[in-house]
Amino acid sequence: MIWHLIAALFAGLGAAGIGLLLRFISAKRLPRWIVPALGGLGMLGYQVYYEYSWLSFKQQQLPDSAEVVDVEYGAMLWRPWTYMYPMPVAFEVIDRDHLRTTEADGEHMVEFFLYRFEKQVADRVTHQAYLMNCNAREWVPLVGDERQPDTSALHEIGTDTPLYQALCETPRA
């Protein structure tokens, strides 16, 4: 986070320098307030750039076996531009290298971990083990050290969702 603060500071200084240069070129006909106004716009511009590039930056840090299956976008009152262009606030990933595929009673089952990345002051990462029944299109969290299915939290899933397609419609090993 300190690096983003330093980057915003330098973006503001650079934009304020452009304001000083414009004032010098115009023989001081431009008002003095143009310098801090451009400095503020430079810092705001960097912040907007960082918010919208967060998702691609985090995806570049993931291993090649990771696949993004869901992205959440949000709008915030104190960031009015997000109502026109919602910014990414969270995304979910599965790791293809750690899928466990089994057949039980003629049902195609896939055990996987779902990682959730949330954009907060300090990025938050959570993970949970799940079991997907591809034939019934149901998935359930696995809880405890023994990874027992929590049937009270059973969810149905559509065949058009990226999670189902990534786990069940790929060729079986």
C-alpha atoms as a PDB file:
ATOM      1  CA  MET A   1       0.000   0.000   0.000  1.00  0.00           C
ATOM      2  CA  ILE A   2       2.876   2.391   0.671  1.00  0.00           C
ATOM      3  CA  TRP A   3       3.957   2.015  -2.958  1.00  0.00           C
ATOM      4  CA  HIS A   4       0.547   3.134  -4.181  1.00  0.00           C
ATOM      5  CA  LEU A   5       0.726   6.178  -1.929  1.00  0.00           C
ATOM      6  CA  ILE A   6       4.166   7.029  -3.304  1.00  0.00           C
ATOM      7  CA  ALA A   7       2.965   6.485  -6.876  1.00  0.00           C
ATOM      8  CA  ALA A   8      -0.064   8.746  -6.306  1.00  0.00           C
ATOM      9  CA  LEU A   9       2.218  11.414  -4.840  1.00  0.00           C
ATOM     10  CA  PHE A  10       4.531  11.302  -7.850  1.00  0.00           C
ATOM     11  CA  ALA A  11       1.588  11.346 -10.268  1.00  0.00           C
ATOM     12  CA  GLY A  12       0.351  14.487  -8.500  1.00  0.00           C
ATOM     13  CA  LEU A  13       3.796  16.094  -8.600  1.00  0.00           C
ATOM     14  CA  GLY A  14       4.155  15.288 -12.295  1.00  0.00           C
ATOM     15  CA  ALA A  15       0.745  16.750 -13.139  1.00  0.00           C
ATOM     16  CA  ALA A  16       1.496  19.843 -11.013  1.00  0.00           C
ATOM     17  CA  GLY A  17       4.765  20.194 -12.943  1.00  0.00           C
ATOM     18  CA  ILE A  18       2.767  20.182 -16.166  1.00  0.00           C
ATOM     19  CA  GLY A  19       0.613  22.939 -14.671  1.00  0.00           C
ATOM     20  CA  LEU A  20       3.729  24.967 -13.850  1.00  0.00           C
ATOM     21  CA  LEU A  21       5.013  24.447 -17.380  1.00  0.00           C
ATOM     22  CA  LEU A  22       1.699  25.567 -18.886  1.00  0.00           C
ATOM     23  CA  ARG A  23       1.707  28.641 -16.686  1.00  0.00           C
ATOM     24  CA  PHE A  24       5.272  29.437 -17.763  1.00  0.00           C
ATOM     25  CA  ILE A  25       4.453  28.964 -21.470  1.00  0.00           C
ATOM     26  CA  SER A  26       1.414  31.229 -21.192  1.00  0.00           C
ATOM     27  CA  ALA A  27       3.545  33.980 -19.591  1.00  0.00           C
ATOM     28  CA  LYS A  28       1.619  33.543 -16.306  1.00  0.00           C
ATOM     29  CA  ARG A  29      -1.748  34.294 -17.930  1.00  0.00           C
ATOM     30  CA  LEU A  30      -3.143  31.043 -16.569  1.00  0.00           C
ATOM     31  CA  PRO A  31      -4.376  31.341 -12.963  1.00  0.00           C
ATOM     32  CA  ARG A  32      -2.203  30.068 -10.107  1.00  0.00           C
ATOM     33  CA  TRP A  33      -4.812  27.538  -9.015  1.00  0.00           C
ATOM     34  CA  ILE A  34      -4.125  25.496 -12.183  1.00  0.00           C
ATOM     35  CA  VAL A  35      -1.008  23.977 -10.528  1.00  0.00           C
ATOM     36  CA  PRO A  36      -2.700  22.374  -7.479  1.00  0.00           C
ATOM     37  CA  ALA A  37      -5.797  21.547  -9.558  1.00  0.00           C
ATOM     38  CA  LEU A  38      -3.704  19.556 -12.033  1.00  0.00           C
ATOM     39  CA  GLY A  39      -1.808  17.978  -9.109  1.00  0.00           C
ATOM     40  CA  GLY A  40      -5.090  16.777  -7.620  1.00  0.00           C
ATOM     41  CA  LEU A  41      -6.295  15.514 -10.987  1.00  0.00           C
ATOM     42  CA  GLY A  42      -3.030  13.621 -11.422  1.00  0.00           C
ATOM     43  CA  MET A  43      -3.466  11.838  -8.085  1.00  0.00           C
ATOM     44  CA  LEU A  44      -7.131  11.115  -8.813  1.00  0.00           C
ATOM     45  CA  GLY A  45      -6.193   9.816 -12.269  1.00  0.00           C
ATOM     46  CA  TYR A  46      -3.642   7.427 -10.802  1.00  0.00           C
ATOM     47  CA  GLN A  47      -6.160   6.156  -8.259  1.00  0.00           C
ATOM     48  CA  VAL A  48      -8.756   5.493 -10.962  1.00  0.00           C
ATOM     49  CA  TYR A  49      -6.130   3.712 -13.068  1.00  0.00           C
ATOM     50  CA  TYR A  50      -5.105   1.528 -10.121  1.00  0.00           C
ATOM     51  CA  GLU A  51      -8.693   0.597  -9.264  1.00  0.00           C
ATOM     52  CA  TYR A  52      -9.496  -0.565 -12.774  1.00  0.00           C
ATOM     53  CA  SER A  53      -6.169  -2.356 -13.380  1.00  0.00           C
ATOM     54  CA  TRP A  54      -6.286  -4.256 -10.053  1.00  0.00           C
ATOM     55  CA  LEU A  55      -7.977  -7.306 -11.583  1.00  0.00           C
ATOM     56  CA  SER A  56      -5.528  -7.768 -14.449  1.00  0.00           C
ATOM     57  CA  PHE A  57      -2.583  -7.144 -12.102  1.00  0.00           C
ATOM     58  CA  LYS A  58      -3.775  -9.848  -9.682  1.00  0.00           C
ATOM     59  CA  GLN A  59      -4.466 -12.284 -12.535  1.00  0.00           C
ATOM     60  CA  GLN A  60      -0.894 -11.880 -13.766  1.00  0.00           C
ATOM     61  CA  GLN A  61       0.354 -12.972 -10.343  1.00  0.00           C
ATOM     62  CA  LEU A  62      -1.629 -16.231 -10.442  1.00  0.00           C
ATOM     63  CA  PRO A  63      -0.070 -19.489 -11.695  1.00  0.00           C
ATOM     64  CA  ASP A  64      -0.869 -20.712 -15.205  1.00  0.00           C
ATOM     65  CA  SER A  65      -3.098 -23.454 -13.789  1.00  0.00           C
ATOM     66  CA  ALA A  66      -5.456 -20.897 -12.181  1.00  0.00           C
ATOM     67  CA  GLU A  67      -8.701 -20.119 -13.959  1.00  0.00           C
ATOM     68  CA  VAL A  68     -10.966 -17.185 -13.088  1.00  0.00           C
ATOM     69  CA  VAL A  69     -14.560 -18.407 -12.791  1.00  0.00           C
ATOM     70  CA  ASP A  70     -16.323 -15.299 -11.473  1.00  0.00           C
ATOM     71  CA  VAL A  71     -15.703 -11.551 -11.273  1.00  0.00           C
ATOM     72  CA  GLU A  72     -17.779  -9.169  -9.140  1.00  0.00           C
ATOM     73  CA  TYR A  73     -18.121  -5.518 -10.090  1.00  0.00           C
ATOM     74  CA  GLY A  74     -19.359  -2.800  -7.779  1.00  0.00           C
ATOM     75  CA  ALA A  75     -20.241   0.865  -7.597  1.00  0.00           C
ATOM     76  CA  MET A  76     -19.524   3.157  -4.648  1.00  0.00           C
ATOM     77  CA  LEU A  77     -20.981   6.487  -3.647  1.00  0.00           C
ATOM     78  CA  TRP A  78     -17.595   8.132  -2.988  1.00  0.00           C
ATOM     79  CA  ARG A  79     -16.404   6.995  -6.451  1.00  0.00           C
ATOM     80  CA  PRO A  80     -19.146   8.386  -8.688  1.00  0.00           C
ATOM     81  CA  TRP A  81     -17.504   7.185 -11.934  1.00  0.00           C
ATOM     82  CA  THR A  82     -18.119   3.584 -10.822  1.00  0.00           C
ATOM     83  CA  TYR A  83     -21.852   4.026 -11.458  1.00  0.00           C
ATOM     84  CA  MET A  84     -21.103   4.438 -15.156  1.00  0.00           C
ATOM     85  CA  TYR A  85     -18.233   1.928 -15.270  1.00  0.00           C
ATOM     86  CA  PRO A  86     -18.386  -0.459 -12.290  1.00  0.00           C
ATOM     87  CA  MET A  87     -14.963  -1.484 -11.013  1.00  0.00           C
ATOM     88  CA  PRO A  88     -13.867  -5.016 -10.120  1.00  0.00           C
ATOM     89  CA  VAL A  89     -14.088  -5.601  -6.374  1.00  0.00           C
ATOM     90  CA  ALA A  90     -13.659  -9.402  -6.121  1.00  0.00           C
ATOM     91  CA  PHE A  91     -13.014 -12.493  -8.188  1.00  0.00           C
ATOM     92  CA  GLU A  92     -12.992 -16.260  -7.699  1.00  0.00           C
ATOM     93  CA  VAL A  93     -10.417 -18.729  -9.008  1.00  0.00           C
ATOM     94  CA  ILE A  94     -10.002 -22.490  -9.216  1.00  0.00           C
ATOM     95  CA  ASP A  95      -6.644 -24.217  -9.534  1.00  0.00           C
ATOM     96  CA  ARG A  96      -6.774 -26.819 -12.304  1.00  0.00           C
ATOM     97  CA  ASP A  97      -3.688 -28.634 -10.980  1.00  0.00           C
ATOM     98  CA  HIS A  98      -5.450 -29.510  -7.716  1.00  0.00           C
ATOM     99  CA  LEU A  99      -8.768 -30.900  -8.964  1.00  0.00           C
ATOM    100  CA  ARG A 100      -9.707 -34.384  -7.786  1.00  0.00           C
ATOM    101  CA  THR A 101     -12.085 -36.153 -10.150  1.00  0.00           C
ATOM    102  CA  THR A 102     -13.903 -39.329  -9.057  1.00  0.00           C
ATOM    103  CA  GLU A 103     -16.816 -41.506 -10.117  1.00  0.00           C
ATOM    104  CA  ALA A 104     -19.284 -42.557  -7.402  1.00  0.00           C
ATOM    105  CA  ASP A 105     -22.479 -44.502  -8.163  1.00  0.00           C
ATOM    106  CA  GLY A 106     -22.224 -43.444 -11.806  1.00  0.00           C
ATOM    107  CA  GLU A 107     -21.992 -39.769 -10.828  1.00  0.00           C
ATOM    108  CA  HIS A 108     -19.096 -37.596 -12.018  1.00  0.00           C
ATOM    109  CA  MET A 109     -17.718 -35.790  -8.932  1.00  0.00           C
ATOM    110  CA  VAL A 110     -15.035 -33.084  -8.784  1.00  0.00           C
ATOM    111  CA  GLU A 111     -13.407 -31.941  -5.546  1.00  0.00           C
ATOM    112  CA  PHE A 112     -11.851 -28.481  -5.788  1.00  0.00           C
ATOM    113  CA  PHE A 113     -10.773 -25.394  -3.883  1.00  0.00           C
ATOM    114  CA  LEU A 114     -12.409 -22.082  -4.682  1.00  0.00           C
ATOM    115  CA  TYR A 115     -10.188 -19.087  -3.921  1.00  0.00           C
ATOM    116  CA  ARG A 116     -11.818 -15.688  -3.447  1.00  0.00           C
ATOM    117  CA  PHE A 117      -9.790 -12.478  -3.844  1.00  0.00           C
ATOM    118  CA  GLU A 118     -11.373  -9.277  -2.477  1.00  0.00           C
ATOM    119  CA  LYS A 119     -10.093  -5.763  -3.089  1.00  0.00           C
ATOM    120  CA  GLN A 120      -9.933  -4.050   0.285  1.00  0.00           C
ATOM    121  CA  VAL A 121      -7.395  -1.806   2.000  1.00  0.00           C
ATOM    122  CA  ALA A 122      -5.235  -4.922   2.217  1.00  0.00           C
ATOM    123  CA  ASP A 123      -6.303  -7.506  -0.352  1.00  0.00           C
ATOM    124  CA  ARG A 124      -8.080 -10.431   1.253  1.00  0.00           C
ATOM    125  CA  VAL A 125      -7.849 -14.027   0.043  1.00  0.00           C
ATOM    126  CA  THR A 126     -10.087 -16.806   1.337  1.00  0.00           C
ATOM    127  CA  HIS A 127     -10.444 -20.402   0.196  1.00  0.00           C
ATOM    128  CA  GLN A 128     -12.944 -23.182   0.688  1.00  0.00           C
ATOM    129  CA  ALA A 129     -13.047 -26.824  -0.429  1.00  0.00           C
ATOM    130  CA  TYR A 130     -16.115 -27.872  -2.440  1.00  0.00           C
ATOM    131  CA  LEU A 131     -17.502 -30.992  -4.055  1.00  0.00           C
ATOM    132  CA  MET A 132     -19.291 -30.663  -7.408  1.00  0.00           C
ATOM    133  CA  ASN A 133     -21.686 -33.328  -8.668  1.00  0.00           C
ATOM    134  CA  CYS A 134     -21.545 -32.685 -12.409  1.00  0.00           C
ATOM    135  CA  ASN A 135     -24.459 -34.994 -13.292  1.00  0.00           C
ATOM    136  CA  ALA A 136     -26.875 -33.452 -10.774  1.00  0.00           C
ATOM    137  CA  ARG A 137     -25.400 -29.932 -11.247  1.00  0.00           C
ATOM    138  CA  GLU A 138     -25.049 -29.470  -7.478  1.00  0.00           C
ATOM    139  CA  TRP A 139     -22.145 -28.353  -5.341  1.00  0.00           C
ATOM    140  CA  VAL A 140     -21.611 -28.429  -1.627  1.00  0.00           C
ATOM    141  CA  PRO A 141     -18.891 -27.059   0.689  1.00  0.00           C
ATOM    142  CA  LEU A 142     -16.614 -29.536   2.424  1.00  0.00           C
ATOM    143  CA  VAL A 143     -16.118 -28.696   6.103  1.00  0.00           C
ATOM    144  CA  GLY A 144     -13.818 -29.846   8.861  1.00  0.00           C
ATOM    145  CA  ASP A 145     -10.489 -31.617   8.731  1.00  0.00           C
ATOM    146  CA  GLU A 146     -12.139 -34.706   7.235  1.00  0.00           C
ATOM    147  CA  ARG A 147     -13.738 -32.560   4.508  1.00  0.00           C
ATOM    148  CA  GLN A 148     -17.258 -33.828   5.052  1.00  0.00           C
ATOM    149  CA  PRO A 149     -20.006 -32.411   2.798  1.00  0.00           C
ATOM    150  CA  ASP A 150     -22.273 -29.828   4.450  1.00  0.00           C
ATOM    151  CA  THR A 151     -25.547 -30.877   2.816  1.00  0.00           C
ATOM    152  CA  SER A 152     -27.436 -27.998   4.433  1.00  0.00           C
ATOM    153  CA  ALA A 153     -25.499 -25.638   2.131  1.00  0.00           C
ATOM    154  CA  LEU A 154     -26.249 -27.529  -1.101  1.00  0.00           C
ATOM    155  CA  HIS A 155     -26.422 -25.259  -4.168  1.00  0.00           C
ATOM    156  CA  GLU A 156     -27.678 -25.944  -7.650  1.00  0.00           C
ATOM    157  CA  ILE A 157     -25.649 -24.585 -10.546  1.00  0.00           C
ATOM    158  CA  GLY A 158     -26.555 -23.886 -14.148  1.00  0.00           C
ATOM    159  CA  THR A 159     -24.708 -25.449 -17.053  1.00  0.00           C
ATOM    160  CA  ASP A 160     -23.974 -21.992 -18.472  1.00  0.00           C
ATOM    161  CA  THR A 161     -21.949 -20.794 -15.454  1.00  0.00           C
ATOM    162  CA  PRO A 162     -18.168 -20.542 -15.870  1.00  0.00           C
ATOM    163  CA  LEU A 163     -17.583 -22.649 -12.729  1.00  0.00           C
ATOM    164  CA  TYR A 164     -19.621 -25.573 -14.074  1.00  0.00           C
ATOM    165  CA  GLN A 165     -18.002 -25.302 -17.502  1.00  0.00           C
ATOM    166  CA  ALA A 166     -14.500 -25.202 -16.032  1.00  0.00           C
ATOM    167  CA  LEU A 167     -15.049 -28.245 -13.818  1.00  0.00           C
ATOM    168  CA  CYS A 168     -17.487 -30.458 -15.689  1.00  0.00           C
ATOM    169  CA  GLU A 169     -17.265 -29.708 -19.397  1.00  0.00           C
ATOM    170  CA  THR A 170     -13.523 -30.109 -19.733  1.00  0.00           C
ATOM    171  CA  PRO A 171     -12.176 -33.451 -20.989  1.00  0.00           C
ATOM    172  CA  ARG A 172     -11.802 -35.955 -18.148  1.00  0.00           C
ATOM    173  CA  ALA A 173      -8.386 -37.360 -17.417  1.00  0.00           C
END
